[in-house]
Amino acid sequence: MGVNSTHPDYDANAATWLRARDVVAGEDAVKGAGEKYLPRLDEQSRNEYLGYKTRASFFNAAARTAEGFIGLIFHRDPVVRRPGSDAGAGVSGALAALVEDVDLLGTALPAYARNVVEEVVVVGRCGTLVDWQGPCRTGQCEERAYATLYRAEDILNWRTERVNGRNVLTLVVLRESVTGVSADGFTSEPVEQIRVLRLEEVQGPTSNVQAERRYVVELWQPGEAKTKRGKAEWQCVKTVVPLRMGRPLPGIPFVFHGPRHALPDVDKLPLTDIIAVNLDHYRLAADYRHGLHFTALPTAWVSGFEKNAELRIGSSTVWMSPTPGAAAGFLEFTGQGLTTFERAMDRDERLMAVLGTRMLAEQKRVGESADAIALRQSGENSVLGALAVSVSDSLTHVLRWCYWWHSTEAKPDLVSSELVLVSLSTDFSLQGMNAQSITALVSAWQAGAISQETLMDCLRKGEVIPDGRSNAEEKALAGEGFKFLKGGREAALGTPLQASSVAATDGTQMKHG
């Protein structure tokens, strides 16, 4: 057992992850896998199998469903809460920079969230490591926290332990690829690297003092020594103890992302059933096309003609034979053989439409009330809603780690959602807010049940206020509109406008005069 050993759950799910990525990647990846997804027929030669596979058509319903899921979640921009300028220039500036560039590669937080959701939808798992970019020799380092995304296949091993009544992550092993320089110093070569994140126990000065934990990072690379099987042995090339305010971190700043929870446990893929049916549809399509190849075109046949006779087919050609009873005709396919394949393929397509929350099937346009549609889609949206909530929680935990690294709180758990929050949309309706909902919200605001900021946030989610317009800009525009209406009525009536049913921009309610 070496540093590159994998977790039992990793071994059990690696093939499933690879199958999901191949199917979502499309026809080239599926056909490139050959007999893994399309078994060879009995006594079929290599060239015959190549033609059999080439003629097959792959209908990528799984990728279309995944794109539909992601599109519904990001139909509305994620809500990101971060501290303002009153929290201190350091924390506020660092979080503002993080939202604009979360991974030091120019990826904004909404785009990073979309990458996370895509990984969770496709393979049901990924992870984020929060690290700190400290001072460097070039002087161009930003000295702030940042995040790095790891795919499910790159999270090799993990372990949790019970510490002070809580399950705590004590080991994470990550596979990376770094750029190395070749021996001639001119070309760059990728070097495989393993990053080990440990939570070590540090004993206190006396036995009565409770043992503390500290976060340690180890970097392992292949060495020159070889194993018995001829593979390079891994060796630790660097060990680092990250510090915050001169003290080691009390936990591993790694967050798991999943469709139902943010635990290290491997969860079921959201698309696993659709992927299975999609591959079955691919095999049926291969058999159907294979049958069409041999039966679609009629084949000429003759009886009573000389074996060496040259027979041409065409309207200006006549076949003549001196043999009495000579005959000619065409062989044509009849029967229900290929129709059976067509029905089976249609059934798979309907099944994928049901499993894919009806994204691939036409919705009813008439004869169905709004309540009936909401009831019918509630079960379908529940899977997508649970995924959005789970990823929102895990991304909030990532932002909490980043905030804590710049703040003075003793532990990351003390950073509440009132300070930092990432919330993905769980409203998958493509229709904007109706007039009744707008009236109800305005009435609640006028009654003092909600604040004006909440009112505007709800109107923005309901697509009444554009996403790119801030609350201050909307207030200014609303004030200009009120002045315009006021001036127009005064000009028309010749009297001052003393009251209006329109609410003032400062949050007070105007009375009817």
Protein backbone atom coordinates (compact mmCIF):
# COMPACT_ATOMS: atom_id res chain seq x y z
CA MET A 1 0.00 0.00 0.00
CA GLY A 2 1.55 3.25 -1.15
CA VAL A 3 0.62 6.90 -1.21
CA ASN A 4 -1.23 6.32 -4.50
CA SER A 5 -3.53 3.72 -2.94
CA THR A 6 -7.21 4.35 -3.61
CA HIS A 7 -10.26 4.21 -1.35
CA PRO A 8 -12.55 1.15 -1.72
CA ASP A 9 -15.41 3.44 -2.78
CA TYR A 10 -13.14 4.92 -5.41
CA ASP A 11 -12.41 1.47 -6.84
CA ALA A 12 -16.12 0.60 -6.82
CA ASN A 13 -17.15 3.75 -8.72
CA ALA A 14 -14.22 4.47 -11.06
CA ALA A 15 -15.73 2.47 -13.94
CA THR A 16 -19.10 4.19 -13.44
CA TRP A 17 -17.49 7.63 -13.58
CA LEU A 18 -15.62 6.73 -16.77
CA ARG A 19 -18.80 5.40 -18.40
CA ALA A 20 -20.67 8.58 -17.50
CA ARG A 21 -17.95 10.80 -18.95
CA ASP A 22 -17.79 8.75 -22.16
CA VAL A 23 -21.55 8.89 -22.68
CA VAL A 24 -21.81 12.62 -22.00
CA ALA A 25 -18.75 13.29 -24.18
CA GLY A 26 -20.66 11.93 -27.17
CA GLU A 27 -20.41 9.56 -30.11
CA ASP A 28 -16.64 9.70 -30.61
CA ALA A 29 -15.90 8.69 -27.03
CA VAL A 30 -18.54 5.93 -26.99
CA LYS A 31 -17.44 4.44 -30.32
CA GLY A 32 -13.80 4.85 -29.33
CA ALA A 33 -14.39 2.47 -26.42
CA GLY A 34 -15.24 -0.25 -28.96
CA GLU A 35 -16.58 -3.50 -27.52
CA LYS A 36 -16.91 -2.00 -24.04
CA TYR A 37 -20.27 -0.47 -24.99
CA LEU A 38 -21.04 -2.37 -28.24
CA PRO A 39 -20.21 -6.10 -28.06
CA ARG A 40 -19.08 -7.83 -31.25
CA LEU A 41 -21.53 -10.21 -32.91
CA ASP A 42 -20.71 -13.92 -33.14
CA GLU A 43 -18.04 -14.80 -35.74
CA GLN A 44 -17.77 -11.16 -36.78
CA SER A 45 -14.39 -10.23 -38.24
CA ARG A 46 -12.49 -7.08 -37.36
CA ASN A 47 -13.53 -5.28 -40.55
CA GLU A 48 -17.13 -6.44 -40.19
CA TYR A 49 -17.24 -5.14 -36.62
CA LEU A 50 -15.75 -1.83 -37.75
CA GLY A 51 -18.55 -1.42 -40.28
CA TYR A 52 -21.11 -2.55 -37.70
CA LYS A 53 -19.90 0.10 -35.26
CA THR A 54 -19.53 2.84 -37.88
CA ARG A 55 -23.09 2.43 -39.13
CA ALA A 56 -24.49 2.73 -35.57
CA SER A 57 -25.99 6.05 -34.48
CA PHE A 58 -25.55 7.38 -30.93
CA PHE A 59 -28.41 9.57 -29.71
CA ASN A 60 -26.84 11.51 -26.83
CA ALA A 61 -29.86 11.99 -24.58
CA ALA A 62 -27.71 11.95 -21.42
CA ALA A 63 -25.69 15.02 -22.49
CA ARG A 64 -28.84 16.85 -23.52
CA THR A 65 -30.41 16.12 -20.14
CA ALA A 66 -27.28 17.27 -18.29
CA GLU A 67 -27.25 20.53 -20.24
CA GLY A 68 -30.93 21.00 -19.44
CA PHE A 69 -30.31 20.47 -15.71
CA ILE A 70 -27.45 22.99 -15.67
CA GLY A 71 -29.42 25.47 -17.73
CA LEU A 72 -32.38 25.35 -15.35
CA ILE A 73 -30.20 25.88 -12.27
CA PHE A 74 -28.36 28.83 -13.83
CA HIS A 75 -31.39 30.30 -15.55
CA ARG A 76 -31.12 32.81 -12.73
CA ASP A 77 -27.75 33.98 -11.43
CA PRO A 78 -26.55 32.59 -8.08
CA VAL A 79 -26.99 34.79 -5.03
CA VAL A 80 -23.62 35.58 -3.43
CA ARG A 81 -23.50 37.25 -0.03
CA ARG A 82 -20.18 38.65 1.13
CA PRO A 83 -19.15 41.30 3.67
CA GLY A 84 -19.24 44.95 2.71
CA SER A 85 -16.69 47.64 3.34
CA ASP A 86 -17.68 47.86 7.00
CA ALA A 87 -16.14 44.41 7.63
CA GLY A 88 -12.65 45.77 7.10
CA ALA A 89 -10.67 46.57 3.98
CA GLY A 90 -8.73 43.29 4.14
CA VAL A 91 -11.70 40.94 4.34
CA SER A 92 -13.90 42.97 2.02
CA GLY A 93 -11.21 43.41 -0.63
CA ALA A 94 -10.12 39.79 -0.49
CA LEU A 95 -13.68 38.47 -0.86
CA ALA A 96 -14.36 40.92 -3.68
CA ALA A 97 -11.26 39.66 -5.50
CA LEU A 98 -12.29 36.08 -4.80
CA VAL A 99 -15.72 36.56 -6.37
CA GLU A 100 -14.08 38.00 -9.50
CA ASP A 101 -11.31 35.36 -9.65
CA VAL A 102 -11.91 32.38 -7.41
CA ASP A 103 -9.11 30.07 -8.63
CA LEU A 104 -6.38 32.57 -9.69
CA LEU A 105 -7.10 31.52 -13.29
CA GLY A 106 -9.64 34.22 -14.04
CA THR A 107 -12.74 32.14 -13.21
CA ALA A 108 -15.48 34.18 -11.54
CA LEU A 109 -17.46 32.60 -8.72
CA PRO A 110 -20.66 32.06 -10.80
CA ALA A 111 -18.61 30.32 -13.52
CA TYR A 112 -16.83 28.23 -10.86
CA ALA A 113 -20.21 27.27 -9.42
CA ARG A 114 -21.33 26.19 -12.89
CA ASN A 115 -18.24 23.97 -13.22
CA VAL A 116 -19.03 22.38 -9.86
CA VAL A 117 -22.65 21.74 -10.84
CA GLU A 118 -21.56 20.21 -14.16
CA GLU A 119 -19.25 17.76 -12.36
CA VAL A 120 -21.93 16.85 -9.84
CA VAL A 121 -24.56 16.34 -12.55
CA VAL A 122 -22.29 14.17 -14.73
CA VAL A 123 -20.41 12.03 -12.19
CA GLY A 124 -22.08 13.01 -8.91
CA ARG A 125 -18.92 14.16 -7.17
CA CYS A 126 -16.03 16.66 -7.06
CA GLY A 127 -14.09 18.61 -4.45
CA THR A 128 -12.63 22.04 -3.71
CA LEU A 129 -9.36 22.73 -1.93
CA VAL A 130 -9.01 26.17 -0.34
CA ASP A 131 -5.40 27.32 -0.25
CA TRP A 132 -3.44 30.50 0.37
CA GLN A 133 -1.17 32.26 -2.09
CA GLY A 134 1.55 33.73 0.04
CA PRO A 135 4.50 36.00 -0.79
CA CYS A 136 6.66 34.89 -3.71
CA ARG A 137 9.95 35.90 -5.26
CA THR A 138 8.42 37.63 -8.24
CA GLY A 139 6.35 39.90 -6.01
CA GLN A 140 3.27 39.32 -8.17
CA CYS A 141 1.42 37.03 -5.73
CA GLU A 142 -1.85 38.39 -4.39
CA GLU A 143 -1.54 36.98 -0.86
CA ARG A 144 -5.13 35.80 -0.53
CA ALA A 145 -7.18 32.64 -0.34
CA TYR A 146 -8.23 30.85 -3.52
CA ALA A 147 -10.00 27.63 -4.52
CA THR A 148 -8.96 24.70 -6.73
CA LEU A 149 -11.45 22.24 -8.22
CA TYR A 150 -10.67 18.50 -8.26
CA ARG A 151 -12.59 15.93 -10.29
CA ALA A 152 -13.92 12.75 -8.71
CA GLU A 153 -11.20 10.70 -10.44
CA ASP A 154 -8.49 12.88 -8.85
CA ILE A 155 -9.69 12.38 -5.25
CA LEU A 156 -7.88 9.09 -4.66
CA ASN A 157 -8.32 8.51 -0.96
CA TRP A 158 -9.92 10.01 2.14
CA ARG A 159 -10.55 9.21 5.78
CA THR A 160 -12.72 10.62 8.55
CA GLU A 161 -12.35 10.15 12.30
CA ARG A 162 -14.46 10.91 15.33
CA VAL A 163 -12.94 13.94 17.11
CA ASN A 164 -14.69 15.61 20.07
CA GLY A 165 -18.03 14.10 19.11
CA ARG A 166 -17.83 15.10 15.42
CA ASN A 167 -16.81 13.34 12.23
CA VAL A 168 -13.72 15.21 11.04
CA LEU A 169 -11.84 14.82 7.77
CA THR A 170 -8.31 13.66 8.67
CA LEU A 171 -6.89 12.55 5.30
CA VAL A 172 -7.37 13.53 1.66
CA VAL A 173 -5.13 12.29 -1.18
CA LEU A 174 -5.33 14.24 -4.45
CA ARG A 175 -3.82 13.52 -7.84
CA GLU A 176 -2.40 16.47 -9.76
CA SER A 177 -0.40 17.22 -12.87
CA VAL A 178 2.30 19.88 -12.70
CA THR A 179 4.47 21.23 -15.48
CA GLY A 180 8.10 20.20 -15.30
CA VAL A 181 11.11 21.14 -17.42
CA SER A 182 12.89 18.48 -19.45
CA ALA A 183 16.57 17.69 -19.11
CA ASP A 184 17.52 19.95 -22.02
CA GLY A 185 15.74 22.87 -20.35
CA PHE A 186 13.74 23.83 -23.44
CA THR A 187 10.56 21.74 -23.38
CA SER A 188 7.89 21.39 -20.72
CA GLU A 189 6.65 17.99 -19.64
CA PRO A 190 3.66 17.14 -17.41
CA VAL A 191 4.68 15.48 -14.15
CA GLU A 192 2.19 13.50 -12.10
CA GLN A 193 2.06 14.60 -8.48
CA ILE A 194 0.12 13.51 -5.42
CA ARG A 195 -0.92 16.03 -2.78
CA VAL A 196 -1.59 14.55 0.66
CA LEU A 197 -3.64 16.57 3.11
CA ARG A 198 -3.31 15.35 6.70
CA LEU A 199 -4.76 16.40 10.02
CA GLU A 200 -2.03 15.44 12.46
CA GLU A 201 -2.38 15.19 16.20
CA VAL A 202 -0.04 17.39 18.22
CA GLN A 203 0.29 16.51 21.91
CA GLY A 204 0.09 19.25 24.52
CA PRO A 205 2.86 19.98 27.05
CA THR A 206 1.19 17.77 29.69
CA SER A 207 -1.01 14.71 29.57
CA ASN A 208 -3.93 16.70 31.01
CA VAL A 209 -4.00 19.03 28.02
CA GLN A 210 -6.17 17.84 25.16
CA ALA A 211 -4.27 16.98 22.00
CA GLU A 212 -4.50 19.58 19.23
CA ARG A 213 -4.72 18.97 15.52
CA ARG A 214 -2.81 20.71 12.76
CA TYR A 215 -3.13 20.70 8.99
CA VAL A 216 -0.10 19.38 7.06
CA VAL A 217 0.43 19.22 3.28
CA GLU A 218 2.78 16.70 1.63
CA LEU A 219 3.78 16.67 -2.04
CA TRP A 220 4.81 13.32 -3.55
CA GLN A 221 6.39 12.70 -6.95
CA PRO A 222 7.79 9.61 -8.73
CA GLY A 223 11.43 9.04 -7.86
CA GLU A 224 14.27 7.32 -9.66
CA ALA A 225 13.95 4.10 -7.65
CA LYS A 226 11.83 1.36 -9.20
CA THR A 227 9.45 -1.14 -7.64
CA LYS A 228 9.49 -4.88 -8.34
CA ARG A 229 7.02 -4.30 -11.17
CA GLY A 230 9.25 -1.69 -12.77
CA LYS A 231 7.20 1.33 -11.72
CA ALA A 232 8.73 4.42 -10.14
CA GLU A 233 8.48 4.62 -6.38
CA TRP A 234 6.78 7.66 -4.90
CA GLN A 235 8.80 9.90 -2.63
CA CYS A 236 7.84 12.91 -0.54
CA VAL A 237 9.54 15.97 -2.02
CA LYS A 238 8.02 18.67 0.18
CA THR A 239 6.16 19.06 3.46
CA VAL A 240 4.38 22.28 4.39
CA VAL A 241 2.44 23.36 7.48
CA PRO A 242 0.14 26.21 6.34
CA LEU A 243 -0.18 28.96 8.92
CA ARG A 244 -2.87 31.51 9.67
CA MET A 245 -2.00 34.31 12.07
CA GLY A 246 1.13 32.34 12.98
CA ARG A 247 -0.79 29.17 13.95
CA PRO A 248 -1.50 25.93 12.03
CA LEU A 249 -4.98 25.39 10.64
CA PRO A 250 -7.27 23.29 12.89
CA GLY A 251 -8.82 21.41 9.96
CA ILE A 252 -8.38 20.35 6.35
CA PRO A 253 -9.78 23.11 4.08
CA PHE A 254 -11.22 20.64 1.58
CA VAL A 255 -14.93 20.54 0.69
CA PHE A 256 -16.74 17.72 -1.10
CA HIS A 257 -19.56 18.49 -3.53
CA GLY A 258 -22.36 15.98 -4.14
CA PRO A 259 -25.95 15.79 -5.43
CA ARG A 260 -27.49 15.20 -1.99
CA HIS A 261 -24.84 16.08 0.60
CA ALA A 262 -21.33 17.46 1.09
CA LEU A 263 -19.98 14.35 2.85
CA PRO A 264 -16.96 12.32 1.67
CA ASP A 265 -19.27 9.36 0.95
CA VAL A 266 -19.73 8.63 -2.75
CA ASP A 267 -23.32 9.26 -3.83
CA LYS A 268 -25.33 7.89 -6.74
CA LEU A 269 -24.97 9.62 -10.09
CA PRO A 270 -28.02 11.72 -10.99
CA LEU A 271 -27.88 10.47 -14.60
CA THR A 272 -27.09 6.80 -13.93
CA ASP A 273 -30.46 5.47 -15.11
CA ILE A 274 -30.52 7.66 -18.21
CA ILE A 275 -26.97 6.57 -19.11
CA ALA A 276 -27.94 2.89 -18.89
CA VAL A 277 -30.93 3.36 -21.19
CA ASN A 278 -28.87 5.57 -23.51
CA LEU A 279 -26.34 2.78 -24.05
CA ASP A 280 -29.14 0.26 -24.61
CA HIS A 281 -30.57 2.59 -27.26
CA TYR A 282 -27.10 2.73 -28.88
CA ARG A 283 -26.89 -1.07 -29.12
CA LEU A 284 -30.39 -1.29 -30.56
CA ALA A 285 -29.52 1.39 -33.13
CA ALA A 286 -26.42 -0.62 -34.13
CA ASP A 287 -28.50 -3.77 -34.74
CA TYR A 288 -31.16 -1.79 -36.58
CA ARG A 289 -28.64 -0.12 -38.90
CA HIS A 290 -26.89 -3.44 -39.38
CA GLY A 291 -30.16 -5.00 -40.52
CA LEU A 292 -30.95 -2.10 -42.84
CA HIS A 293 -27.52 -2.42 -44.42
CA PHE A 294 -28.27 -5.95 -45.62
CA THR A 295 -31.99 -5.73 -46.29
CA ALA A 296 -32.87 -2.20 -47.38
CA LEU A 297 -31.76 -2.48 -51.03
CA PRO A 298 -33.40 -5.14 -53.29
CA THR A 299 -31.03 -7.79 -54.69
CA ALA A 300 -31.43 -9.09 -58.23
CA TRP A 301 -31.63 -12.85 -58.86
CA VAL A 302 -31.83 -14.93 -62.07
CA SER A 303 -32.54 -18.59 -62.90
CA GLY A 304 -31.81 -20.32 -66.22
CA PHE A 305 -29.15 -17.88 -67.43
CA GLU A 306 -25.58 -18.77 -68.31
CA LYS A 307 -23.11 -18.39 -65.46
CA ASN A 308 -20.78 -16.17 -67.48
CA ALA A 309 -23.53 -13.98 -68.85
CA GLU A 310 -23.03 -10.26 -68.24
CA LEU A 311 -26.28 -8.80 -66.96
CA ARG A 312 -26.77 -5.08 -66.58
CA ILE A 313 -29.62 -3.35 -64.79
CA GLY A 314 -31.27 -0.36 -66.44
CA SER A 315 -34.28 0.79 -68.43
CA SER A 316 -32.44 0.32 -71.76
CA THR A 317 -31.17 -3.20 -70.95
CA VAL A 318 -32.99 -6.45 -71.79
CA TRP A 319 -32.23 -9.82 -70.27
CA MET A 320 -32.75 -12.71 -72.71
CA SER A 321 -32.15 -16.41 -72.15
CA PRO A 322 -32.61 -19.35 -74.58
CA THR A 323 -33.40 -21.63 -71.64
CA PRO A 324 -37.12 -22.45 -71.31
CA GLY A 325 -38.51 -21.46 -67.92
CA ALA A 326 -35.78 -18.92 -67.20
CA ALA A 327 -36.82 -16.32 -64.62
CA ALA A 328 -35.53 -13.18 -62.93
CA GLY A 329 -36.59 -11.06 -59.98
CA PHE A 330 -35.57 -9.10 -56.90
CA LEU A 331 -35.08 -10.28 -53.34
CA GLU A 332 -36.80 -7.88 -50.94
CA PHE A 333 -37.09 -7.95 -47.15
CA THR A 334 -40.52 -8.63 -45.66
CA GLY A 335 -41.61 -9.28 -42.10
CA GLN A 336 -41.52 -7.59 -38.68
CA GLY A 337 -37.86 -8.08 -37.77
CA LEU A 338 -36.67 -4.47 -38.16
CA THR A 339 -39.98 -3.10 -36.90
CA THR A 340 -39.24 -4.78 -33.57
CA PHE A 341 -36.02 -2.79 -33.30
CA GLU A 342 -37.88 0.43 -34.15
CA ARG A 343 -40.42 -0.16 -31.39
CA ALA A 344 -37.68 -0.97 -28.88
CA MET A 345 -35.78 2.21 -29.78
CA ASP A 346 -38.95 4.30 -29.45
CA ARG A 347 -39.56 2.78 -26.03
CA ASP A 348 -36.03 3.69 -24.89
CA GLU A 349 -36.49 7.25 -26.10
CA ARG A 350 -39.74 7.59 -24.17
CA LEU A 351 -38.11 6.08 -21.10
CA MET A 352 -35.19 8.51 -21.30
CA ALA A 353 -37.67 11.36 -21.60
CA VAL A 354 -39.38 10.26 -18.37
CA LEU A 355 -36.09 9.70 -16.55
CA GLY A 356 -34.78 13.04 -17.79
CA THR A 357 -37.64 14.93 -16.11
CA ARG A 358 -39.51 15.23 -19.40
CA MET A 359 -36.85 17.46 -20.92
CA LEU A 360 -36.80 15.32 -24.04
CA ALA A 361 -40.58 15.02 -24.45
CA GLU A 362 -43.11 17.61 -25.49
CA GLN A 363 -45.07 19.12 -22.63
CA LYS A 364 -48.84 19.46 -22.74
CA ARG A 365 -49.92 22.85 -24.01
CA VAL A 366 -53.65 22.72 -23.32
CA GLY A 367 -56.08 21.04 -20.99
CA GLU A 368 -53.83 21.20 -17.92
CA SER A 369 -54.04 23.76 -15.14
CA ALA A 370 -51.08 25.44 -13.51
CA ASP A 371 -51.66 23.49 -10.28
CA ALA A 372 -51.71 20.22 -12.20
CA ILE A 373 -48.44 21.09 -13.94
CA ALA A 374 -46.81 22.05 -10.63
CA LEU A 375 -47.99 18.79 -9.03
CA ARG A 376 -46.74 16.73 -11.96
CA GLN A 377 -43.33 18.40 -11.95
CA SER A 378 -42.85 18.50 -8.17
CA GLY A 379 -41.32 15.03 -8.05
CA GLU A 380 -39.14 15.74 -11.08
CA ASN A 381 -37.87 19.04 -9.70
CA SER A 382 -37.15 17.50 -6.31
CA VAL A 383 -34.01 15.74 -7.60
CA LEU A 384 -32.74 18.90 -9.26
CA GLY A 385 -33.76 21.00 -6.25
CA ALA A 386 -31.87 18.73 -3.85
CA LEU A 387 -28.79 19.01 -6.05
CA ALA A 388 -29.00 22.81 -6.11
CA VAL A 389 -29.41 22.99 -2.32
CA SER A 390 -26.53 20.57 -1.72
CA VAL A 391 -24.12 22.44 -3.99
CA SER A 392 -25.23 25.75 -2.46
CA ASP A 393 -24.30 24.45 1.00
CA SER A 394 -20.91 23.14 -0.12
CA LEU A 395 -20.04 26.34 -2.02
CA THR A 396 -21.05 28.35 1.04
CA HIS A 397 -18.62 26.21 3.04
CA VAL A 398 -15.88 27.04 0.51
CA LEU A 399 -16.61 30.75 0.84
CA ARG A 400 -16.66 30.34 4.63
CA TRP A 401 -13.11 28.90 4.56
CA CYS A 402 -11.95 31.82 2.39
CA TYR A 403 -13.56 34.38 4.69
CA TRP A 404 -12.11 32.72 7.80
CA TRP A 405 -8.59 32.77 6.38
CA HIS A 406 -8.77 36.59 6.13
CA SER A 407 -10.69 37.22 9.36
CA THR A 408 -10.00 36.84 13.08
CA GLU A 409 -12.56 34.16 14.02
CA ALA A 410 -11.05 31.28 15.97
CA LYS A 411 -12.65 28.52 13.86
CA PRO A 412 -14.24 28.35 10.40
CA ASP A 413 -17.48 27.10 11.97
CA LEU A 414 -17.93 30.50 13.62
CA VAL A 415 -18.39 32.15 10.21
CA SER A 416 -22.17 32.16 9.79
CA SER A 417 -24.26 32.31 6.64
CA GLU A 418 -25.16 35.88 7.62
CA LEU A 419 -21.63 36.84 6.58
CA VAL A 420 -21.08 34.68 3.50
CA LEU A 421 -23.55 32.71 1.43
CA VAL A 422 -23.81 31.12 -2.02
CA SER A 423 -27.33 30.18 -3.09
CA LEU A 424 -28.17 28.57 -6.42
CA SER A 425 -31.63 29.02 -7.84
CA THR A 426 -34.23 26.37 -6.98
CA ASP A 427 -36.97 28.06 -8.99
CA PHE A 428 -36.93 26.21 -12.29
CA SER A 429 -39.94 27.90 -13.79
CA LEU A 430 -39.12 29.70 -17.02
CA GLN A 431 -41.97 32.17 -16.56
CA GLY A 432 -41.48 35.50 -14.84
CA MET A 433 -43.43 36.77 -11.85
CA ASN A 434 -47.12 37.37 -12.55
CA ALA A 435 -49.12 40.48 -11.63
CA GLN A 436 -50.75 38.87 -8.58
CA SER A 437 -47.37 37.99 -7.07
CA ILE A 438 -46.02 41.49 -7.70
CA THR A 439 -49.08 43.03 -6.05
CA ALA A 440 -48.74 40.72 -3.03
CA LEU A 441 -45.05 41.61 -2.61
CA VAL A 442 -45.69 45.35 -2.83
CA SER A 443 -48.53 45.02 -0.31
CA ALA A 444 -46.27 43.13 2.09
CA TRP A 445 -43.63 45.85 1.76
CA GLN A 446 -46.18 48.62 2.30
CA ALA A 447 -47.44 46.82 5.40
CA GLY A 448 -43.88 46.65 6.78
CA ALA A 449 -43.69 42.85 6.62
CA ILE A 450 -40.60 42.90 4.37
CA SER A 451 -37.88 45.44 3.68
CA GLN A 452 -37.43 47.30 0.43
CA GLU A 453 -34.21 45.38 -0.20
CA THR A 454 -36.10 42.07 0.11
CA LEU A 455 -38.78 43.40 -2.21
CA MET A 456 -36.22 44.25 -4.87
CA ASP A 457 -34.42 40.92 -4.47
CA CYS A 458 -37.71 39.08 -5.01
CA LEU A 459 -38.52 41.21 -8.04
CA ARG A 460 -35.08 40.50 -9.43
CA LYS A 461 -35.56 36.74 -8.99
CA GLY A 462 -38.94 37.08 -10.66
CA GLU A 463 -37.26 38.73 -13.65
CA VAL A 464 -39.06 42.04 -13.09
CA ILE A 465 -35.81 43.90 -12.31
CA PRO A 466 -32.84 43.10 -14.61
CA ASP A 467 -30.06 41.08 -12.97
CA GLY A 468 -27.37 43.62 -13.79
CA ARG A 469 -29.17 46.52 -12.09
CA SER A 470 -28.34 47.20 -8.44
CA ASN A 471 -30.90 48.22 -5.83
CA ALA A 472 -29.50 51.76 -5.70
CA GLU A 473 -29.83 52.11 -9.47
CA GLU A 474 -33.40 50.79 -9.36
CA LYS A 475 -34.30 53.27 -6.60
CA ALA A 476 -32.88 56.12 -8.63
CA LEU A 477 -34.79 55.06 -11.73
CA ALA A 478 -37.96 54.60 -9.70
CA GLY A 479 -37.52 58.12 -8.30
CA GLU A 480 -37.12 59.58 -11.77
CA GLY A 481 -40.25 57.78 -12.93
CA PHE A 482 -42.21 59.12 -9.95
CA LYS A 483 -41.06 62.68 -10.68
CA PHE A 484 -42.05 62.22 -14.34
CA LEU A 485 -45.54 61.04 -13.39
CA LYS A 486 -45.89 63.85 -10.88
CA GLY A 487 -44.87 66.51 -13.39
CA GLY A 488 -47.16 65.10 -16.05
CA ARG A 489 -50.22 65.15 -13.80
CA GLU A 490 -49.47 68.67 -12.55
CA ALA A 491 -49.15 69.89 -16.13
CA ALA A 492 -52.39 68.20 -17.14
CA LEU A 493 -54.46 69.22 -14.10
CA GLY A 494 -52.84 72.56 -13.35
CA THR A 495 -52.68 71.67 -9.62
CA PRO A 496 -49.92 70.27 -7.45
CA LEU A 497 -49.85 66.50 -7.08
CA GLN A 498 -50.19 66.04 -3.34
CA ALA A 499 -50.40 62.27 -3.09
CA SER A 500 -50.03 59.12 -5.09
CA SER A 501 -50.47 55.41 -4.63
CA VAL A 502 -46.88 54.94 -5.75
CA ALA A 503 -44.45 54.30 -2.88
CA ALA A 504 -41.65 56.77 -2.29
CA THR A 505 -38.07 55.71 -2.88
CA ASP A 506 -37.03 56.25 0.74
CA GLY A 507 -39.27 53.41 1.95
CA THR A 508 -42.14 55.55 3.28
CA GLN A 509 -45.69 55.00 2.15
CA MET A 510 -47.58 57.77 0.33
CA LYS A 511 -51.17 58.33 1.42
CA HIS A 512 -54.07 58.94 -0.89
CA GLY A 513 -55.13 62.61 -1.00
